[in-house]
Amino acid sequence: VQLQASGGGVVQAGGSLRLSCAASETILRFNYMGWYRQAPGKQRELVASISSGGFRNFADSVKGRFTISRDSARNVVYLQMNSLNPEDTAVYYCNARISSQLYWGQGTLVTVSS
């Protein structure tokens, strides 16, 4: 399984970005897919996830600002990020789980300028 993350970039505070995670096979196989981020000097943290049943989970810091969605026909999971602030600056990674196996994509850098 390969995951390709894209959509990062530089945005001003208050702006929006949409990240995409394209899977090499049907995402219907995955028990869940998620987005993590890692800021400089910090541990990687969960941002948002969506289960195969559609249950969504968000970090407290992004609730009300970020949404996660999927397009099963395109095998893509999206992370819509609104009202971005400099604390959201990080490398964002997507991952997916099939049973006990975890897969990670490469990161995409999001930089929010003040």
N, C-alpha and C. Protein backbone atom coordinates (compact mmCIF):
# COMPACT_ATOMS: atom_id res chain seq x y z
N VAL A 1 0.85 -1.19 0.00
CA VAL A 1 0.00 0.00 0.00
C VAL A 1 0.89 1.24 0.00
N GLN A 2 0.59 2.16 -0.90
CA GLN A 2 1.31 3.43 -0.93
C GLN A 2 0.34 4.57 -0.72
N LEU A 3 0.78 5.54 0.06
CA LEU A 3 -0.02 6.72 0.33
C LEU A 3 0.76 7.94 -0.12
N GLN A 4 0.11 8.79 -0.88
CA GLN A 4 0.75 9.99 -1.42
C GLN A 4 0.03 11.21 -0.89
N ALA A 5 0.72 11.95 -0.04
CA ALA A 5 0.14 13.17 0.51
C ALA A 5 0.54 14.37 -0.33
N SER A 6 -0.36 15.31 -0.46
CA SER A 6 -0.08 16.52 -1.21
C SER A 6 -0.97 17.65 -0.71
N GLY A 7 -0.67 18.85 -1.17
CA GLY A 7 -1.51 19.99 -0.85
C GLY A 7 -0.92 20.98 0.13
N GLY A 8 0.24 20.66 0.68
CA GLY A 8 0.86 21.59 1.61
C GLY A 8 1.34 22.84 0.91
N GLY A 9 1.71 23.82 1.71
CA GLY A 9 2.20 25.07 1.16
C GLY A 9 2.30 26.12 2.23
N VAL A 10 2.46 27.35 1.78
CA VAL A 10 2.56 28.49 2.68
C VAL A 10 1.26 29.27 2.59
N VAL A 11 0.70 29.59 3.74
CA VAL A 11 -0.56 30.33 3.78
C VAL A 11 -0.50 31.32 4.93
N GLN A 12 -1.20 32.41 4.78
CA GLN A 12 -1.26 33.38 5.86
C GLN A 12 -2.24 32.94 6.94
N ALA A 13 -2.02 33.42 8.13
CA ALA A 13 -2.93 33.11 9.23
C ALA A 13 -4.35 33.50 8.84
N GLY A 14 -5.28 32.62 9.17
CA GLY A 14 -6.67 32.83 8.80
C GLY A 14 -7.05 32.18 7.49
N GLY A 15 -6.06 31.72 6.76
CA GLY A 15 -6.31 31.11 5.46
C GLY A 15 -6.67 29.64 5.55
N SER A 16 -6.81 29.03 4.38
CA SER A 16 -7.24 27.63 4.29
C SER A 16 -6.33 26.86 3.35
N LEU A 17 -6.26 25.58 3.60
CA LEU A 17 -5.58 24.64 2.71
C LEU A 17 -6.35 23.33 2.73
N ARG A 18 -6.25 22.60 1.65
CA ARG A 18 -6.81 21.25 1.63
C ARG A 18 -5.71 20.27 1.28
N LEU A 19 -5.49 19.34 2.17
CA LEU A 19 -4.52 18.28 1.93
C LEU A 19 -5.24 17.06 1.35
N SER A 20 -4.52 16.35 0.51
CA SER A 20 -5.04 15.13 -0.09
C SER A 20 -4.11 13.97 0.21
N CYS A 21 -4.68 12.81 0.42
CA CYS A 21 -3.91 11.58 0.61
C CYS A 21 -4.48 10.56 -0.36
N ALA A 22 -3.71 10.27 -1.38
CA ALA A 22 -4.14 9.32 -2.40
C ALA A 22 -3.55 7.95 -2.11
N ALA A 23 -4.40 6.96 -2.09
CA ALA A 23 -3.98 5.59 -1.82
C ALA A 23 -3.80 4.81 -3.11
N SER A 24 -2.90 3.84 -3.09
CA SER A 24 -2.62 3.04 -4.28
C SER A 24 -3.65 1.95 -4.50
N GLU A 25 -4.54 1.78 -3.54
CA GLU A 25 -5.61 0.81 -3.71
C GLU A 25 -6.86 1.30 -3.00
N THR A 26 -7.90 0.54 -3.11
CA THR A 26 -9.17 1.01 -2.60
C THR A 26 -9.10 1.29 -1.10
N ILE A 27 -9.57 2.47 -0.72
CA ILE A 27 -9.54 2.84 0.69
C ILE A 27 -10.61 2.09 1.48
N LEU A 28 -11.48 1.40 0.79
CA LEU A 28 -12.50 0.62 1.48
C LEU A 28 -11.87 -0.53 2.26
N ARG A 29 -10.62 -0.87 1.93
CA ARG A 29 -9.91 -1.92 2.66
C ARG A 29 -9.43 -1.44 4.03
N PHE A 30 -9.32 -0.15 4.19
CA PHE A 30 -8.68 0.37 5.39
C PHE A 30 -9.64 0.44 6.56
N ASN A 31 -9.19 0.03 7.71
CA ASN A 31 -10.01 0.16 8.91
C ASN A 31 -10.19 1.63 9.27
N TYR A 32 -9.14 2.39 9.02
CA TYR A 32 -9.26 3.82 9.23
C TYR A 32 -8.13 4.52 8.48
N MET A 33 -8.34 5.79 8.24
CA MET A 33 -7.28 6.64 7.69
C MET A 33 -7.20 7.90 8.53
N GLY A 34 -6.00 8.40 8.64
CA GLY A 34 -5.84 9.56 9.49
C GLY A 34 -4.77 10.51 9.01
N TRP A 35 -4.77 11.67 9.60
CA TRP A 35 -3.75 12.69 9.36
C TRP A 35 -3.06 12.98 10.69
N TYR A 36 -1.74 12.98 10.64
CA TYR A 36 -0.92 13.35 11.78
C TYR A 36 -0.07 14.55 11.39
N ARG A 37 0.48 15.19 12.37
CA ARG A 37 1.40 16.28 12.07
C ARG A 37 2.54 16.28 13.08
N GLN A 38 3.65 16.83 12.61
CA GLN A 38 4.81 16.95 13.49
C GLN A 38 5.44 18.31 13.28
N ALA A 39 5.41 19.10 14.32
CA ALA A 39 6.03 20.42 14.29
C ALA A 39 7.49 20.29 14.74
N PRO A 40 8.32 21.22 14.38
CA PRO A 40 9.74 21.16 14.78
C PRO A 40 9.89 21.04 16.29
N GLY A 41 10.65 20.05 16.71
CA GLY A 41 10.91 19.87 18.13
C GLY A 41 9.78 19.23 18.91
N LYS A 42 8.72 18.82 18.22
CA LYS A 42 7.58 18.23 18.91
C LYS A 42 7.33 16.82 18.41
N GLN A 43 6.55 16.09 19.19
CA GLN A 43 6.19 14.74 18.79
C GLN A 43 5.09 14.76 17.75
N ARG A 44 5.04 13.70 16.98
CA ARG A 44 3.96 13.57 16.01
C ARG A 44 2.65 13.39 16.77
N GLU A 45 1.62 14.07 16.29
CA GLU A 45 0.32 14.00 16.94
C GLU A 45 -0.80 13.77 15.93
N LEU A 46 -1.83 13.11 16.41
CA LEU A 46 -3.00 12.88 15.57
C LEU A 46 -3.75 14.20 15.37
N VAL A 47 -4.11 14.47 14.14
CA VAL A 47 -4.92 15.64 13.81
C VAL A 47 -6.37 15.25 13.61
N ALA A 48 -6.59 14.26 12.76
CA ALA A 48 -7.96 13.83 12.45
C ALA A 48 -7.90 12.43 11.88
N SER A 49 -8.98 11.70 12.06
CA SER A 49 -9.07 10.38 11.48
C SER A 49 -10.51 10.09 11.08
N ILE A 50 -10.66 9.13 10.18
CA ILE A 50 -11.98 8.69 9.77
C ILE A 50 -11.94 7.18 9.67
N SER A 51 -12.92 6.54 10.28
CA SER A 51 -12.96 5.08 10.28
C SER A 51 -13.69 4.57 9.05
N SER A 52 -13.62 3.28 8.85
CA SER A 52 -14.33 2.69 7.71
C SER A 52 -15.83 2.91 7.81
N GLY A 53 -16.31 3.06 9.04
CA GLY A 53 -17.73 3.31 9.23
C GLY A 53 -18.11 4.78 9.18
N GLY A 54 -17.11 5.63 8.96
CA GLY A 54 -17.38 7.05 8.81
C GLY A 54 -17.24 7.85 10.09
N PHE A 55 -16.84 7.19 11.19
CA PHE A 55 -16.66 7.94 12.44
C PHE A 55 -15.43 8.82 12.33
N ARG A 56 -15.60 10.06 12.72
CA ARG A 56 -14.51 11.03 12.64
C ARG A 56 -14.02 11.43 14.02
N ASN A 57 -12.73 11.61 14.11
CA ASN A 57 -12.12 12.00 15.36
C ASN A 57 -11.16 13.14 15.09
N PHE A 58 -11.17 14.14 15.98
CA PHE A 58 -10.31 15.31 15.78
C PHE A 58 -9.56 15.65 17.06
N ALA A 59 -8.36 16.16 16.88
CA ALA A 59 -7.65 16.72 18.01
C ALA A 59 -8.41 17.96 18.50
N ASP A 60 -8.36 18.19 19.79
CA ASP A 60 -9.07 19.34 20.35
C ASP A 60 -8.64 20.65 19.70
N SER A 61 -7.37 20.72 19.35
CA SER A 61 -6.82 21.97 18.82
C SER A 61 -7.35 22.33 17.44
N VAL A 62 -7.96 21.36 16.76
CA VAL A 62 -8.43 21.63 15.39
C VAL A 62 -9.95 21.50 15.25
N LYS A 63 -10.61 21.10 16.31
CA LYS A 63 -12.07 20.95 16.24
C LYS A 63 -12.72 22.26 15.83
N GLY A 64 -13.65 22.15 14.91
CA GLY A 64 -14.35 23.34 14.43
C GLY A 64 -13.63 24.06 13.31
N ARG A 65 -12.38 23.68 13.06
CA ARG A 65 -11.60 24.34 11.98
C ARG A 65 -11.24 23.37 10.86
N PHE A 66 -10.98 22.13 11.21
CA PHE A 66 -10.57 21.12 10.23
C PHE A 66 -11.70 20.12 10.03
N THR A 67 -11.80 19.62 8.82
CA THR A 67 -12.70 18.52 8.53
C THR A 67 -11.95 17.46 7.75
N ILE A 68 -12.39 16.23 7.90
CA ILE A 68 -11.80 15.12 7.16
C ILE A 68 -12.90 14.44 6.36
N SER A 69 -12.59 14.11 5.13
CA SER A 69 -13.56 13.47 4.27
C SER A 69 -12.84 12.49 3.35
N ARG A 70 -13.60 11.69 2.65
CA ARG A 70 -13.01 10.71 1.75
C ARG A 70 -13.82 10.61 0.47
N ASP A 71 -13.14 10.20 -0.57
CA ASP A 71 -13.76 9.93 -1.85
C ASP A 71 -13.37 8.50 -2.22
N SER A 72 -14.26 7.59 -1.98
CA SER A 72 -13.94 6.18 -2.21
C SER A 72 -13.73 5.87 -3.68
N ALA A 73 -14.37 6.63 -4.54
CA ALA A 73 -14.22 6.39 -5.98
C ALA A 73 -12.81 6.76 -6.45
N ARG A 74 -12.25 7.79 -5.82
CA ARG A 74 -10.90 8.24 -6.19
C ARG A 74 -9.83 7.70 -5.25
N ASN A 75 -10.24 7.02 -4.19
CA ASN A 75 -9.30 6.50 -3.19
C ASN A 75 -8.46 7.61 -2.57
N VAL A 76 -9.14 8.65 -2.20
CA VAL A 76 -8.48 9.81 -1.62
C VAL A 76 -9.17 10.22 -0.33
N VAL A 77 -8.37 10.61 0.65
CA VAL A 77 -8.88 11.21 1.88
C VAL A 77 -8.37 12.64 1.94
N TYR A 78 -9.25 13.53 2.32
CA TYR A 78 -8.92 14.96 2.35
C TYR A 78 -8.91 15.48 3.78
N LEU A 79 -8.09 16.47 3.99
CA LEU A 79 -8.11 17.22 5.24
C LEU A 79 -8.28 18.69 4.87
N GLN A 80 -9.47 19.20 5.11
CA GLN A 80 -9.74 20.60 4.87
C GLN A 80 -9.39 21.38 6.12
N MET A 81 -8.50 22.34 5.97
CA MET A 81 -8.02 23.11 7.11
C MET A 81 -8.40 24.57 6.92
N ASN A 82 -9.21 25.07 7.81
CA ASN A 82 -9.65 26.47 7.77
C ASN A 82 -9.15 27.21 9.00
N SER A 83 -9.20 28.51 8.92
CA SER A 83 -8.78 29.36 10.03
C SER A 83 -7.41 28.94 10.57
N LEU A 84 -6.50 28.76 9.67
CA LEU A 84 -5.17 28.30 10.06
C LEU A 84 -4.46 29.37 10.89
N ASN A 85 -3.66 28.89 11.82
CA ASN A 85 -2.84 29.80 12.62
C ASN A 85 -1.40 29.27 12.66
N PRO A 86 -0.47 30.09 13.08
CA PRO A 86 0.95 29.66 13.04
C PRO A 86 1.21 28.36 13.81
N GLU A 87 0.40 28.07 14.81
CA GLU A 87 0.59 26.83 15.57
C GLU A 87 0.26 25.58 14.74
N ASP A 88 -0.36 25.77 13.62
CA ASP A 88 -0.67 24.64 12.73
C ASP A 88 0.51 24.31 11.81
N THR A 89 1.55 25.10 11.86
CA THR A 89 2.72 24.84 11.03
C THR A 89 3.36 23.51 11.43
N ALA A 90 3.51 22.65 10.44
CA ALA A 90 4.05 21.30 10.71
C ALA A 90 4.15 20.54 9.40
N VAL A 91 4.81 19.41 9.49
CA VAL A 91 4.75 18.45 8.39
C VAL A 91 3.55 17.54 8.67
N TYR A 92 2.69 17.41 7.71
CA TYR A 92 1.48 16.61 7.86
C TYR A 92 1.66 15.28 7.13
N TYR A 93 1.30 14.22 7.84
CA TYR A 93 1.41 12.87 7.29
C TYR A 93 0.05 12.19 7.29
N CYS A 94 -0.19 11.41 6.25
CA CYS A 94 -1.40 10.59 6.30
C CYS A 94 -1.00 9.16 6.61
N ASN A 95 -1.90 8.45 7.23
CA ASN A 95 -1.65 7.03 7.46
C ASN A 95 -2.93 6.25 7.33
N ALA A 96 -2.77 4.95 7.28
CA ALA A 96 -3.92 4.07 7.12
C ALA A 96 -3.62 2.75 7.82
N ARG A 97 -4.68 2.12 8.26
CA ARG A 97 -4.51 0.84 8.96
C ARG A 97 -5.39 -0.23 8.32
N ILE A 98 -4.78 -1.39 8.09
CA ILE A 98 -5.50 -2.58 7.68
C ILE A 98 -5.17 -3.64 8.72
N SER A 99 -6.16 -4.00 9.51
CA SER A 99 -5.93 -4.90 10.66
C SER A 99 -4.85 -4.29 11.53
N SER A 100 -3.74 -5.00 11.76
CA SER A 100 -2.69 -4.47 12.63
C SER A 100 -1.58 -3.77 11.87
N GLN A 101 -1.71 -3.69 10.57
CA GLN A 101 -0.66 -3.11 9.75
C GLN A 101 -0.92 -1.63 9.50
N LEU A 102 0.10 -0.81 9.83
CA LEU A 102 0.01 0.63 9.60
C LEU A 102 0.83 1.02 8.39
N TYR A 103 0.30 1.93 7.61
CA TYR A 103 1.00 2.46 6.45
C TYR A 103 1.08 3.97 6.58
N TRP A 104 2.21 4.51 6.17
CA TRP A 104 2.42 5.95 6.24
C TRP A 104 2.79 6.50 4.87
N GLY A 105 2.29 7.69 4.61
CA GLY A 105 2.72 8.40 3.42
C GLY A 105 3.86 9.34 3.77
N GLN A 106 4.44 9.94 2.74
CA GLN A 106 5.47 10.94 3.02
C GLN A 106 4.77 12.20 3.51
N GLY A 107 5.47 13.07 4.13
CA GLY A 107 4.85 14.26 4.68
C GLY A 107 4.69 15.36 3.66
N THR A 108 3.80 16.28 3.98
CA THR A 108 3.65 17.49 3.19
C THR A 108 3.69 18.67 4.16
N LEU A 109 4.50 19.65 3.84
CA LEU A 109 4.77 20.74 4.76
C LEU A 109 3.71 21.83 4.65
N VAL A 110 3.19 22.20 5.80
CA VAL A 110 2.25 23.32 5.89
C VAL A 110 2.91 24.41 6.74
N THR A 111 3.01 25.58 6.18
CA THR A 111 3.60 26.72 6.89
C THR A 111 2.58 27.84 6.94
N VAL A 112 2.26 28.26 8.14
CA VAL A 112 1.29 29.33 8.32
C VAL A 112 2.04 30.55 8.86
N SER A 113 1.99 31.61 8.09
CA SER A 113 2.70 32.84 8.48
C SER A 113 1.75 33.78 9.21
N SER A 114 2.32 34.50 10.14
CA SER A 114 1.48 35.41 10.95
C SER A 114 1.40 36.79 10.31
